[in-house]
Every structure is written in C-alpha cells, then in structure tokens.
Protein backbone atom coordinates (compact mmCIF):
# COMPACT_ATOMS: atom_id res chain seq x y z
CA MET A 1 5.67 -0.96 4.81
CA THR A 2 8.71 -3.15 5.30
CA THR A 3 9.57 -6.80 5.22
CA ASP A 4 10.96 -8.46 8.33
CA GLU A 5 11.63 -12.21 8.20
CA GLY A 6 9.41 -12.32 5.16
CA ILE A 7 6.59 -10.53 6.99
CA VAL A 8 5.22 -7.42 5.31
CA TYR A 9 3.49 -4.96 7.64
CA ASP A 10 3.55 -1.28 8.63
CA ARG A 11 6.68 -1.24 10.76
CA SER A 12 6.17 2.44 11.68
CA LEU A 13 3.57 1.27 14.22
CA LEU A 14 6.10 -0.70 16.29
CA GLY A 15 6.36 0.90 19.72
CA LYS A 16 4.04 3.81 18.82
CA GLU A 17 1.74 4.48 21.79
CA ASN A 18 -1.99 4.86 21.20
CA GLU A 19 -4.16 6.34 23.92
CA ILE A 20 -7.08 4.11 24.90
CA GLY A 21 -8.57 6.29 27.60
CA THR A 22 -8.87 7.07 31.30
CA PHE A 23 -10.96 4.87 33.56
CA GLU A 24 -12.07 5.52 37.13
CA VAL A 25 -12.00 2.46 39.36
CA SER A 26 -14.63 2.39 42.10
CA LEU A 27 -15.05 0.14 45.12
CA LYS A 28 -18.30 -1.17 43.64
CA MET A 29 -16.57 -1.96 40.33
CA ILE A 30 -13.81 -3.90 42.13
CA THR A 31 -16.11 -5.96 44.35
CA GLU A 32 -18.61 -6.72 41.57
CA PHE A 33 -15.83 -7.73 39.20
CA ALA A 34 -14.26 -9.94 41.87
CA LYS A 35 -17.58 -11.65 42.63
CA SER A 36 -18.37 -12.15 38.94
CA THR A 37 -15.04 -13.89 38.35
CA GLY A 38 -15.36 -16.17 41.38
CA GLU A 39 -12.65 -14.50 43.47
CA THR A 40 -12.63 -15.52 47.12
CA TYR A 41 -9.64 -13.56 48.38
CA PRO A 42 -10.93 -11.08 51.04
CA LYS A 43 -8.83 -8.14 49.80
CA TYR A 44 -10.75 -8.23 46.48
CA LEU A 45 -14.21 -8.56 48.02
CA GLY A 46 -14.25 -5.87 50.71
CA ASN A 47 -15.89 -8.18 53.23
CA ASP A 48 -13.20 -7.73 55.91
CA ALA A 49 -13.00 -4.22 57.40
CA ASN A 50 -9.41 -4.86 58.50
CA ILE A 51 -8.13 -5.47 54.95
CA PRO A 52 -7.96 -2.59 52.44
CA VAL A 53 -9.68 -3.42 49.16
CA VAL A 54 -7.60 -3.70 45.99
CA ALA A 55 -8.61 -4.89 42.54
CA PRO A 56 -7.68 -8.27 41.08
CA PRO A 57 -5.10 -7.64 38.33
CA THR A 58 -7.54 -9.17 35.84
CA ILE A 59 -9.79 -6.11 36.24
CA CYS A 60 -7.72 -4.58 33.43
CA ASN A 61 -9.67 -6.83 31.05
CA LEU A 62 -12.56 -4.39 31.43
CA PHE A 63 -10.48 -1.69 29.73
CA VAL A 64 -8.26 -3.54 27.24
CA GLY A 65 -9.07 -3.53 23.57
CA GLY A 66 -10.75 -0.78 21.75
CA SER A 67 -9.61 -0.01 18.28
CA ARG A 68 -6.06 -0.83 17.34
CA PRO A 69 -4.38 0.61 14.26
CA ASP A 70 -4.33 -1.63 11.22
CA ILE A 71 -0.77 -2.94 10.85
CA LYS A 72 -1.48 -3.65 7.16
CA LEU A 73 -0.22 -7.20 7.45
CA GLU A 74 0.15 -8.77 4.04
CA PHE A 75 -0.34 -12.37 5.06
CA GLY A 76 -3.09 -14.83 5.80
CA GLU A 77 -6.82 -15.05 5.46
CA VAL A 78 -7.86 -15.94 9.01
CA SER A 79 -7.09 -13.95 12.18
CA PHE A 80 -7.93 -14.75 15.77
CA PHE A 81 -7.03 -14.05 19.41
CA ALA A 82 -4.10 -16.22 20.52
CA GLY A 83 -3.63 -15.41 24.20
CA GLN A 84 -3.08 -12.89 26.95
CA SER A 85 -0.83 -12.31 29.94
CA ILE A 86 -1.25 -9.75 32.70
CA GLU A 87 1.67 -8.50 34.76
CA SER A 88 0.64 -6.74 37.95
CA LYS A 89 3.09 -3.98 38.89
CA ALA A 90 1.23 -2.28 41.77
CA ASP A 91 -2.14 -2.45 43.52
CA ILE A 92 -5.15 -0.92 41.81
CA LYS A 93 -7.27 0.75 44.48
CA PRO A 94 -10.74 2.26 44.72
CA GLY A 95 -10.61 5.85 43.47
CA ASP A 96 -7.71 5.24 41.09
CA ASN A 97 -7.92 6.78 37.65
CA LEU A 98 -6.19 4.45 35.21
CA ILE A 99 -4.68 5.83 32.04
CA ALA A 100 -4.38 3.15 29.35
CA THR A 101 -2.12 3.23 26.31
CA SER A 102 -1.35 0.43 23.88
CA LYS A 103 1.42 -0.21 21.40
CA LEU A 104 2.39 -2.83 18.87
CA ASP A 105 5.16 -4.61 20.77
CA HIS A 106 6.40 -7.08 18.18
CA VAL A 107 5.47 -9.16 15.15
CA TYR A 108 6.95 -12.57 14.41
CA SER A 109 6.31 -15.70 12.41
CA LYS A 110 6.19 -19.31 13.47
CA THR A 111 5.53 -22.52 11.60
CA GLY A 112 3.10 -24.99 13.12
CA ARG A 113 1.18 -28.07 11.97
CA SER A 114 -1.12 -25.87 9.92
CA GLY A 115 1.77 -24.01 8.26
CA LYS A 116 3.14 -20.51 8.70
CA MET A 117 1.48 -18.20 11.22
CA VAL A 118 2.19 -14.55 11.96
CA PHE A 119 1.74 -13.23 15.49
CA ALA A 120 1.18 -9.59 16.41
CA VAL A 121 1.67 -8.79 20.10
CA TRP A 122 0.07 -5.67 21.55
CA GLN A 123 0.99 -4.33 24.98
CA THR A 124 -1.41 -2.20 26.98
CA GLN A 125 0.09 -0.23 29.84
CA PHE A 126 -1.99 1.03 32.74
CA LYS A 127 -0.78 3.92 34.89
CA ASN A 128 -2.58 5.42 37.87
CA GLN A 129 -3.11 9.11 38.56
CA ASN A 130 0.38 9.23 40.13
CA ASN A 131 1.96 8.11 36.83
CA GLU A 132 2.84 4.75 38.42
CA ILE A 133 2.60 1.70 36.15
CA VAL A 134 0.10 -0.65 37.78
CA ALA A 135 -0.28 -3.31 35.06
CA LEU A 136 0.98 -4.50 31.69
CA VAL A 137 -1.31 -6.58 29.51
CA ASN A 138 0.12 -8.43 26.51
CA GLU A 139 -2.29 -9.76 23.91
CA SER A 140 -1.34 -11.93 20.95
CA PHE A 141 -3.25 -12.21 17.70
CA VAL A 142 -2.42 -14.75 15.03
CA THR A 143 -3.02 -14.69 11.27
CA ARG A 144 -2.72 -17.75 9.06
CA ASN A 145 -3.90 -19.14 5.77
CA LYS A 146 -7.08 -21.21 5.59
C-alpha cells in the first residue's frame, strides 16, 4: 500500500494484467447485438451480401467486467461507475476469438461540488486470435464520501 497525492491504495496493481477470458464471436452474435442496440449500418447487420459483416465496437461491452482485484482504496464510502470509452483498433469479425485482459491503468483524485473524489480507471484490451489488438475499453469508477 502506498500513498500517491494523498490516495492510499495497493499500487502494486497498477499495470498488472488480469486475464478475463477468451470469447468466440459469431455472425449471429454480431447481428443480434447490432439489432438490439438499434444499429442501422449494413456492415453490422449482414443484410447486404456485398458487404462483409463486422461487429460494432460496442460489442466489447458483452465481455467487459468480471471480477477486478480489490485495489484496497482507503477513501470514501460510496462507489459507482463514472464512464466508459471504447477505442476501436481493428475490425472484429465473425469467427474471431477475442482474448480479454484488464489492468488498473491509473488512480487520481479530483475535487468537485460534493468534495474530494477518487477515480480508478481500468483498461480492458481485446486481442484477436492473431494477437492483433482490436479494441481498448477504458472504464472509470469513482469513490467519494457520503
């Protein structure tokens, strides 16, 4: 445990990769996900035989999460999800096997109207079976006092 900017947490977890799992992406999964999220772009729906189907980058939401290590943050009484960004690096195609790993990317504090808040940002990396990074998902979680 160390203190950084007055934040006490388990710093040994910074940058340490945790395996989430391997996920097979099927054509059915892609088209059903696209329809369920209101996508209209033909390359996500598979309704044009002349356009190869690829997954919307947001399909990674199906695989993000799981259990994250406890960073042993010594601050706050209330924690909640604070936001997400998805960076698409390459197309996700039917038949791909995605390997997901996550790591604690950074921890920082910020003072807002409600007082001090501490943010923990986790990054999940998705690689395909060719070891090519296809997506990066950053998720922020905030802890504050009541």
